PDB file of N, CA and C in Angstrom:
ATOM      1  N   MET A   1       1.882 -11.822 -68.342  1.00  0.00           N
ATOM      2  CA  MET A   1       3.097 -11.119 -67.783  1.00  0.00           C
ATOM      3  C   MET A   1       3.000 -10.762 -66.565  1.00  0.00           C
ATOM      4  N   PRO A   2       3.715 -10.797 -65.551  1.00  0.00           N
ATOM      5  CA  PRO A   2       3.636 -10.198 -64.176  1.00  0.00           C
ATOM      6  C   PRO A   2       4.390  -8.765 -64.185  1.00  0.00           C
ATOM      7  N   ARG A   3       3.519  -7.795 -63.605  1.00  0.00           N
ATOM      8  CA  ARG A   3       4.004  -6.321 -63.721  1.00  0.00           C
ATOM      9  C   ARG A   3       5.449  -6.323 -62.737  1.00  0.00           C
ATOM     10  N   ARG A   4       6.210  -5.593 -63.328  1.00  0.00           N
ATOM     11  CA  ARG A   4       7.635  -5.589 -62.554  1.00  0.00           C
ATOM     12  C   ARG A   4       7.588  -4.329 -61.294  1.00  0.00           C
ATOM     13  N   PRO A   5       7.925  -4.655 -60.089  1.00  0.00           N
ATOM     14  CA  PRO A   5       7.752  -3.653 -58.963  1.00  0.00           C
ATOM     15  C   PRO A   5       8.438  -2.417 -59.455  1.00  0.00           C
ATOM     16  N   ARG A   6       8.071  -1.250 -59.393  1.00  0.00           N
ATOM     17  CA  ARG A   6       8.454  -0.099 -59.447  1.00  0.00           C
ATOM     18  C   ARG A   6       9.109   0.587 -58.302  1.00  0.00           C
ATOM     19  N   ILE A   7      10.268   0.110 -57.778  1.00  0.00           N
ATOM     20  CA  ILE A   7      10.636   0.458 -56.638  1.00  0.00           C
ATOM     21  C   ILE A   7      12.033   0.904 -56.800  1.00  0.00           C
ATOM     22  N   THR A   8      12.073   2.232 -56.217  1.00  0.00           N
ATOM     23  CA  THR A   8      13.399   3.009 -56.622  1.00  0.00           C
ATOM     24  C   THR A   8      14.334   2.606 -55.394  1.00  0.00           C
ATOM     25  N   GLN A   9      15.446   2.483 -55.733  1.00  0.00           N
ATOM     26  CA  GLN A   9      16.789   2.067 -54.926  1.00  0.00           C
ATOM     27  C   GLN A   9      17.535   3.265 -54.239  1.00  0.00           C
ATOM     28  N   LEU A  10      17.419   4.210 -54.757  1.00  0.00           N
ATOM     29  CA  LEU A  10      18.071   5.455 -54.358  1.00  0.00           C
ATOM     30  C   LEU A  10      17.880   5.705 -52.975  1.00  0.00           C
ATOM     31  N   THR A  11      18.796   6.029 -52.125  1.00  0.00           N
ATOM     32  CA  THR A  11      18.560   6.656 -50.960  1.00  0.00           C
ATOM     33  C   THR A  11      18.445   8.416 -51.031  1.00  0.00           C
ATOM     34  N   ALA A  12      18.009   9.156 -49.871  1.00  0.00           N
ATOM     35  CA  ALA A  12      17.756  10.590 -49.801  1.00  0.00           C
ATOM     36  C   ALA A  12      19.195  11.192 -50.244  1.00  0.00           C
ATOM     37  N   ALA A  13      20.216  10.678 -49.785  1.00  0.00           N
ATOM     38  CA  ALA A  13      21.719  11.074 -50.085  1.00  0.00           C
ATOM     39  C   ALA A  13      21.850  11.300 -51.553  1.00  0.00           C
ATOM     40  N   GLN A  14      21.527   9.879 -51.900  1.00  0.00           N
ATOM     41  CA  GLN A  14      21.703   9.625 -53.523  1.00  0.00           C
ATOM     42  C   GLN A  14      20.961  10.798 -54.573  1.00  0.00           C
ATOM     43  N   TYR A  15      19.628  10.959 -53.890  1.00  0.00           N
ATOM     44  CA  TYR A  15      18.762  11.603 -54.758  1.00  0.00           C
ATOM     45  C   TYR A  15      19.416  13.200 -54.638  1.00  0.00           C
ATOM     46  N   ASP A  16      19.965  13.773 -53.310  1.00  0.00           N
ATOM     47  CA  ASP A  16      20.334  14.813 -53.403  1.00  0.00           C
ATOM     48  C   ASP A  16      21.724  14.999 -54.233  1.00  0.00           C
ATOM     49  N   ALA A  17      22.573  14.045 -54.232  1.00  0.00           N
ATOM     50  CA  ALA A  17      23.898  14.286 -55.167  1.00  0.00           C
ATOM     51  C   ALA A  17      23.220  14.160 -56.506  1.00  0.00           C
ATOM     52  N   LEU A  18      22.281  13.179 -57.064  1.00  0.00           N
ATOM     53  CA  LEU A  18      22.006  13.590 -58.269  1.00  0.00           C
ATOM     54  C   LEU A  18      21.061  14.726 -58.702  1.00  0.00           C
ATOM     55  N   GLU A  19      20.583  15.144 -57.877  1.00  0.00           N
ATOM     56  CA  GLU A  19      20.027  16.459 -58.123  1.00  0.00           C
ATOM     57  C   GLU A  19      21.332  17.941 -58.431  1.00  0.00           C
ATOM     58  N   ARG A  20      21.739  17.537 -57.273  1.00  0.00           N
ATOM     59  CA  ARG A  20      22.965  18.936 -57.496  1.00  0.00           C
ATOM     60  C   ARG A  20      23.981  18.389 -58.636  1.00  0.00           C
ATOM     61  N   ALA A  21      24.391  17.180 -58.908  1.00  0.00           N
ATOM     62  CA  ALA A  21      24.731  17.063 -60.286  1.00  0.00           C
ATOM     63  C   ALA A  21      24.173  17.477 -61.296  1.00  0.00           C
ATOM     64  N   ILE A  22      22.570  17.329 -61.606  1.00  0.00           N
ATOM     65  CA  ILE A  22      22.018  17.929 -62.629  1.00  0.00           C
ATOM     66  C   ILE A  22      22.314  19.376 -62.817  1.00  0.00           C
ATOM     67  N   ALA A  23      22.195  19.879 -61.469  1.00  0.00           N
ATOM     68  CA  ALA A  23      21.971  21.392 -61.390  1.00  0.00           C
ATOM     69  C   ALA A  23      23.295  22.086 -61.791  1.00  0.00           C
ATOM     70  N   ASP A  24      24.371  21.127 -61.362  1.00  0.00           N
ATOM     71  CA  ASP A  24      25.770  21.767 -61.821  1.00  0.00           C
ATOM     72  C   ASP A  24      26.145  21.081 -63.075  1.00  0.00           C
ATOM     73  N   ARG A  25      25.675  20.225 -63.949  1.00  0.00           N
ATOM     74  CA  ARG A  25      25.865  19.933 -65.192  1.00  0.00           C
ATOM     75  C   ARG A  25      27.179  18.980 -64.961  1.00  0.00           C
ATOM     76  N   ARG A  26      27.449  18.141 -63.675  1.00  0.00           N
ATOM     77  CA  ARG A  26      28.515  17.198 -63.263  1.00  0.00           C
ATOM     78  C   ARG A  26      28.353  15.658 -64.187  1.00  0.00           C
ATOM     79  N   ARG A  27      29.469  15.138 -64.177  1.00  0.00           N
ATOM     80  CA  ARG A  27      29.309  13.970 -64.831  1.00  0.00           C
ATOM     81  C   ARG A  27      28.855  12.700 -63.789  1.00  0.00           C
ATOM     82  N   LEU A  28      28.146  11.810 -64.110  1.00  0.00           N
ATOM     83  CA  LEU A  28      27.803  10.801 -63.301  1.00  0.00           C
ATOM     84  C   LEU A  28      28.079   9.492 -63.686  1.00  0.00           C
ATOM     85  N   SER A  29      28.412   8.649 -62.926  1.00  0.00           N
ATOM     86  CA  SER A  29      29.229   7.348 -63.194  1.00  0.00           C
ATOM     87  C   SER A  29      27.969   6.345 -62.675  1.00  0.00           C
ATOM     88  N   VAL A  30      27.004   5.796 -63.775  1.00  0.00           N
ATOM     89  CA  VAL A  30      26.085   4.787 -63.357  1.00  0.00           C
ATOM     90  C   VAL A  30      26.092   3.621 -63.760  1.00  0.00           C
ATOM     91  N   TRP A  31      25.742   2.313 -62.840  1.00  0.00           N
ATOM     92  CA  TRP A  31      25.995   1.077 -63.458  1.00  0.00           C
ATOM     93  C   TRP A  31      24.774   0.586 -63.468  1.00  0.00           C
ATOM     94  N   ARG A  32      24.930  -0.138 -64.796  1.00  0.00           N
ATOM     95  CA  ARG A  32      23.430  -0.879 -65.157  1.00  0.00           C
ATOM     96  C   ARG A  32      23.412  -1.997 -65.777  1.00  0.00           C
ATOM     97  N   ARG A  33      23.461  -3.508 -65.445  1.00  0.00           N
ATOM     98  CA  ARG A  33      23.618  -4.655 -65.805  1.00  0.00           C
ATOM     99  C   ARG A  33      25.068  -4.917 -66.080  1.00  0.00           C
ATOM    100  N   GLY A  34      25.894  -4.375 -64.992  1.00  0.00           N
ATOM    101  CA  GLY A  34      27.107  -4.888 -65.075  1.00  0.00           C
ATOM    102  C   GLY A  34      27.976  -4.152 -65.712  1.00  0.00           C
ATOM    103  N   THR A  35      27.493  -2.931 -66.462  1.00  0.00           N
ATOM    104  CA  THR A  35      28.222  -2.012 -67.189  1.00  0.00           C
ATOM    105  C   THR A  35      28.252  -0.544 -66.824  1.00  0.00           C
ATOM    106  N   GLU A  36      29.377   0.032 -66.769  1.00  0.00           N
ATOM    107  CA  GLU A  36      29.235   1.560 -66.514  1.00  0.00           C
ATOM    108  C   GLU A  36      29.277   2.611 -67.522  1.00  0.00           C
ATOM    109  N   TYR A  37      28.539   3.520 -67.209  1.00  0.00           N
ATOM    110  CA  TYR A  37      28.373   4.573 -67.988  1.00  0.00           C
ATOM    111  C   TYR A  37      28.678   5.637 -67.406  1.00  0.00           C
ATOM    112  N   VAL A  38      29.452   6.735 -68.069  1.00  0.00           N
ATOM    113  CA  VAL A  38      29.797   8.248 -67.362  1.00  0.00           C
ATOM    114  C   VAL A  38      29.031   9.131 -68.448  1.00  0.00           C
ATOM    115  N   VAL A  39      28.087   9.682 -67.850  1.00  0.00           N
ATOM    116  CA  VAL A  39      27.184  10.526 -68.439  1.00  0.00           C
ATOM    117  C   VAL A  39      27.010  12.115 -67.673  1.00  0.00           C
ATOM    118  N   VAL A  40      26.442  12.813 -68.343  1.00  0.00           N
ATOM    119  CA  VAL A  40      25.923  14.126 -67.996  1.00  0.00           C
ATOM    120  C   VAL A  40      24.533  13.976 -68.156  1.00  0.00           C
ATOM    121  N   VAL A  41      23.703  13.937 -66.599  1.00  0.00           N
ATOM    122  CA  VAL A  41      22.151  14.025 -66.842  1.00  0.00           C
ATOM    123  C   VAL A  41      21.822  15.388 -67.447  1.00  0.00           C
ATOM    124  N   ASP A  42      20.678  15.343 -67.913  1.00  0.00           N
ATOM    125  CA  ASP A  42      20.103  16.480 -68.495  1.00  0.00           C
ATOM    126  C   ASP A  42      18.877  16.723 -67.266  1.00  0.00           C
ATOM    127  N   ARG A  43      17.938  15.742 -67.454  1.00  0.00           N
ATOM    128  CA  ARG A  43      17.110  15.900 -66.613  1.00  0.00           C
ATOM    129  C   ARG A  43      16.357  14.446 -65.909  1.00  0.00           C
ATOM    130  N   LEU A  44      15.688  14.475 -64.843  1.00  0.00           N
ATOM    131  CA  LEU A  44      15.131  13.640 -64.040  1.00  0.00           C
ATOM    132  C   LEU A  44      13.636  13.801 -64.454  1.00  0.00           C
ATOM    133  N   HIS A  45      13.018  12.657 -64.690  1.00  0.00           N
ATOM    134  CA  HIS A  45      11.610  12.970 -65.099  1.00  0.00           C
ATOM    135  C   HIS A  45      10.784  11.321 -64.751  1.00  0.00           C
ATOM    136  N   LEU A  46       9.339  11.368 -64.923  1.00  0.00           N
ATOM    137  CA  LEU A  46       8.823  10.241 -65.067  1.00  0.00           C
ATOM    138  C   LEU A  46       8.517  10.133 -66.513  1.00  0.00           C
ATOM    139  N   ALA A  47       8.604   8.531 -66.819  1.00  0.00           N
ATOM    140  CA  ALA A  47       8.308   8.333 -68.050  1.00  0.00           C
ATOM    141  C   ALA A  47       7.513   6.811 -67.822  1.00  0.00           C
ATOM    142  N   ALA A  48       6.207   6.997 -68.329  1.00  0.00           N
ATOM    143  CA  ALA A  48       5.471   5.498 -67.954  1.00  0.00           C
ATOM    144  C   ALA A  48       5.436   5.280 -66.432  1.00  0.00           C
ATOM    145  N   GLY A  49       5.426   6.180 -65.759  1.00  0.00           N
ATOM    146  CA  GLY A  49       5.195   5.653 -64.303  1.00  0.00           C
ATOM    147  C   GLY A  49       6.805   5.244 -63.676  1.00  0.00           C
ATOM    148  N   ARG A  50       7.819   5.397 -64.635  1.00  0.00           N
ATOM    149  CA  ARG A  50       8.990   5.276 -63.974  1.00  0.00           C
ATOM    150  C   ARG A  50       9.854   6.247 -63.957  1.00  0.00           C
ATOM    151  N   GLU A  51      10.728   6.520 -62.940  1.00  0.00           N
ATOM    152  CA  GLU A  51      11.822   7.648 -62.747  1.00  0.00           C
ATOM    153  C   GLU A  51      12.802   7.295 -63.885  1.00  0.00           C
ATOM    154  N   ALA A  52      13.083   8.236 -64.805  1.00  0.00           N
ATOM    155  CA  ALA A  52      14.227   8.117 -65.918  1.00  0.00           C
ATOM    156  C   ALA A  52      15.138   9.282 -65.654  1.00  0.00           C
ATOM    157  N   LEU A  53      16.378   8.789 -66.236  1.00  0.00           N
ATOM    158  CA  LEU A  53      17.455  10.113 -66.356  1.00  0.00           C
ATOM    159  C   LEU A  53      17.551   9.944 -67.726  1.00  0.00           C
ATOM    160  N   GLU A  54      17.668  11.346 -68.255  1.00  0.00           N
ATOM    161  CA  GLU A  54      17.542  11.552 -69.502  1.00  0.00           C
ATOM    162  C   GLU A  54      18.904  12.047 -69.726  1.00  0.00           C
ATOM    163  N   ALA A  55      20.155  11.676 -70.355  1.00  0.00           N
ATOM    164  CA  ALA A  55      21.469  12.109 -70.458  1.00  0.00           C
ATOM    165  C   ALA A  55      22.089  12.011 -71.608  1.00  0.00           C
ATOM    166  N   HIS A  56      23.299  12.350 -71.422  1.00  0.00           N
ATOM    167  CA  HIS A  56      24.219  12.464 -72.570  1.00  0.00           C
ATOM    168  C   HIS A  56      25.587  11.995 -72.418  1.00  0.00           C
ATOM    169  N   HIS A  57      26.420  11.373 -73.240  1.00  0.00           N
ATOM    170  CA  HIS A  57      27.884  11.239 -73.151  1.00  0.00           C
ATOM    171  C   HIS A  57      28.522  12.317 -73.420  1.00  0.00           C
ATOM    172  N   PRO A  58      29.208  12.713 -72.240  1.00  0.00           N
ATOM    173  CA  PRO A  58      29.957  14.106 -72.555  1.00  0.00           C
ATOM    174  C   PRO A  58      31.078  14.367 -73.383  1.00  0.00           C
ATOM    175  N   THR A  59      31.660  13.479 -74.373  1.00  0.00           N
ATOM    176  CA  THR A  59      32.385  13.274 -74.987  1.00  0.00           C
ATOM    177  C   THR A  59      31.660  13.256 -76.583  1.00  0.00           C
ATOM    178  N   THR A  60      30.968  12.448 -76.698  1.00  0.00           N
ATOM    179  CA  THR A  60      30.274  12.182 -78.126  1.00  0.00           C
ATOM    180  C   THR A  60      28.902  12.825 -78.132  1.00  0.00           C
ATOM    181  N   GLY A  61      28.249  12.812 -77.131  1.00  0.00           N
ATOM    182  CA  GLY A  61      26.927  13.791 -77.301  1.00  0.00           C
ATOM    183  C   GLY A  61      25.713  12.701 -77.170  1.00  0.00           C
ATOM    184  N   ASP A  62      26.093  11.362 -77.713  1.00  0.00           N
ATOM    185  CA  ASP A  62      25.032  10.322 -77.719  1.00  0.00           C
ATOM    186  C   ASP A  62      24.161  10.541 -76.570  1.00  0.00           C
ATOM    187  N   ARG A  63      22.564  10.293 -76.644  1.00  0.00           N
ATOM    188  CA  ARG A  63      21.723  10.498 -75.788  1.00  0.00           C
ATOM    189  C   ARG A  63      21.397   9.158 -75.109  1.00  0.00           C
ATOM    190  N   LEU A  64      20.881   9.158 -74.088  1.00  0.00           N
ATOM    191  CA  LEU A  64      20.653   7.917 -73.231  1.00  0.00           C
ATOM    192  C   LEU A  64      19.560   7.887 -72.388  1.00  0.00           C
ATOM    193  N   THR A  65      18.763   6.981 -72.199  1.00  0.00           N
ATOM    194  CA  THR A  65      17.894   7.208 -71.113  1.00  0.00           C
ATOM    195  C   THR A  65      18.007   5.664 -70.085  1.00  0.00           C
ATOM    196  N   LEU A  66      17.943   6.119 -68.931  1.00  0.00           N
ATOM    197  CA  LEU A  66      18.171   5.353 -67.949  1.00  0.00           C
ATOM    198  C   LEU A  66      17.362   5.417 -66.827  1.00  0.00           C
ATOM    199  N   TYR A  67      16.567   4.164 -66.701  1.00  0.00           N
ATOM    200  CA  TYR A  67      15.691   4.107 -65.546  1.00  0.00           C
ATOM    201  C   TYR A  67      16.254   3.750 -64.210  1.00  0.00           C
ATOM    202  N   ILE A  68      15.879   4.744 -63.320  1.00  0.00           N
ATOM    203  CA  ILE A  68      16.357   4.342 -61.918  1.00  0.00           C
ATOM    204  C   ILE A  68      16.143   2.977 -61.447  1.00  0.00           C
ATOM    205  N   ASP A  69      15.361   2.509 -61.818  1.00  0.00           N
ATOM    206  CA  ASP A  69      14.644   0.836 -61.087  1.00  0.00           C
ATOM    207  C   ASP A  69      15.570  -0.031 -61.759  1.00  0.00           C
ATOM    208  N   GLU A  70      16.452   0.304 -62.728  1.00  0.00           N
ATOM    209  CA  GLU A  70      17.431  -0.653 -63.492  1.00  0.00           C
ATOM    210  C   GLU A  70      18.796  -0.438 -63.053  1.00  0.00           C
ATOM    211  N   LEU A  71      18.923   0.607 -62.170  1.00  0.00           N
ATOM    212  CA  LEU A  71      20.356   0.959 -61.999  1.00  0.00           C
ATOM    213  C   LEU A  71      21.135  -0.002 -60.711  1.00  0.00           C
ATOM    214  N   GLU A  72      22.153  -0.421 -60.805  1.00  0.00           N
ATOM    215  CA  GLU A  72      22.886  -0.702 -59.807  1.00  0.00           C
ATOM    216  C   GLU A  72      23.722   0.072 -58.880  1.00  0.00           C
ATOM    217  N   GLY A  73      23.616   1.246 -59.312  1.00  0.00           N
ATOM    218  CA  GLY A  73      24.827   2.285 -58.451  1.00  0.00           C
ATOM    219  C   GLY A  73      24.724   3.353 -59.128  1.00  0.00           C
ATOM    220  N   ILE A  74      25.057   4.624 -58.396  1.00  0.00           N
ATOM    221  CA  ILE A  74      25.080   5.804 -59.053  1.00  0.00           C
ATOM    222  C   ILE A  74      26.470   6.576 -58.187  1.00  0.00           C
ATOM    223  N   GLU A  75      27.143   7.248 -58.880  1.00  0.00           N
ATOM    224  CA  GLU A  75      28.334   8.104 -58.151  1.00  0.00           C
ATOM    225  C   GLU A  75      28.670   9.326 -58.957  1.00  0.00           C
ATOM    226  N   VAL A  76      28.599  10.506 -58.093  1.00  0.00           N
ATOM    227  CA  VAL A  76      28.987  11.701 -59.133  1.00  0.00           C
ATOM    228  C   VAL A  76      30.475  11.752 -58.895  1.00  0.00           C
ATOM    229  N   VAL A  77      30.605  12.125 -60.345  1.00  0.00           N
ATOM    230  CA  VAL A  77      32.289  12.154 -60.817  1.00  0.00           C
ATOM    231  C   VAL A  77      32.647  13.552 -60.819  1.00  0.00           C
ATOM    232  N   GLY A  78      33.611  14.050 -60.516  1.00  0.00           N
ATOM    233  CA  GLY A  78      34.157  15.225 -60.174  1.00  0.00           C
ATOM    234  C   GLY A  78      33.396  16.295 -61.158  1.00  0.00           C
TER     235      GLY A  78
END
């Protein structure tokens, strides 16, 4: 099986917004495979050589791991 390229799609401005959202505990709207997730990101880290967002749903508290290289877009929400 060929290895998947590990290319991050975020711009410097998006990384800045993401880091600020994490520090301020703000919600983030994330799109992956055509589905929008609104989450609070707890941390950004490397998992098996891939950048991952460890997040939780702001209402239910359900935990979710989102890999940056799988995301179609991100946006900080209020």
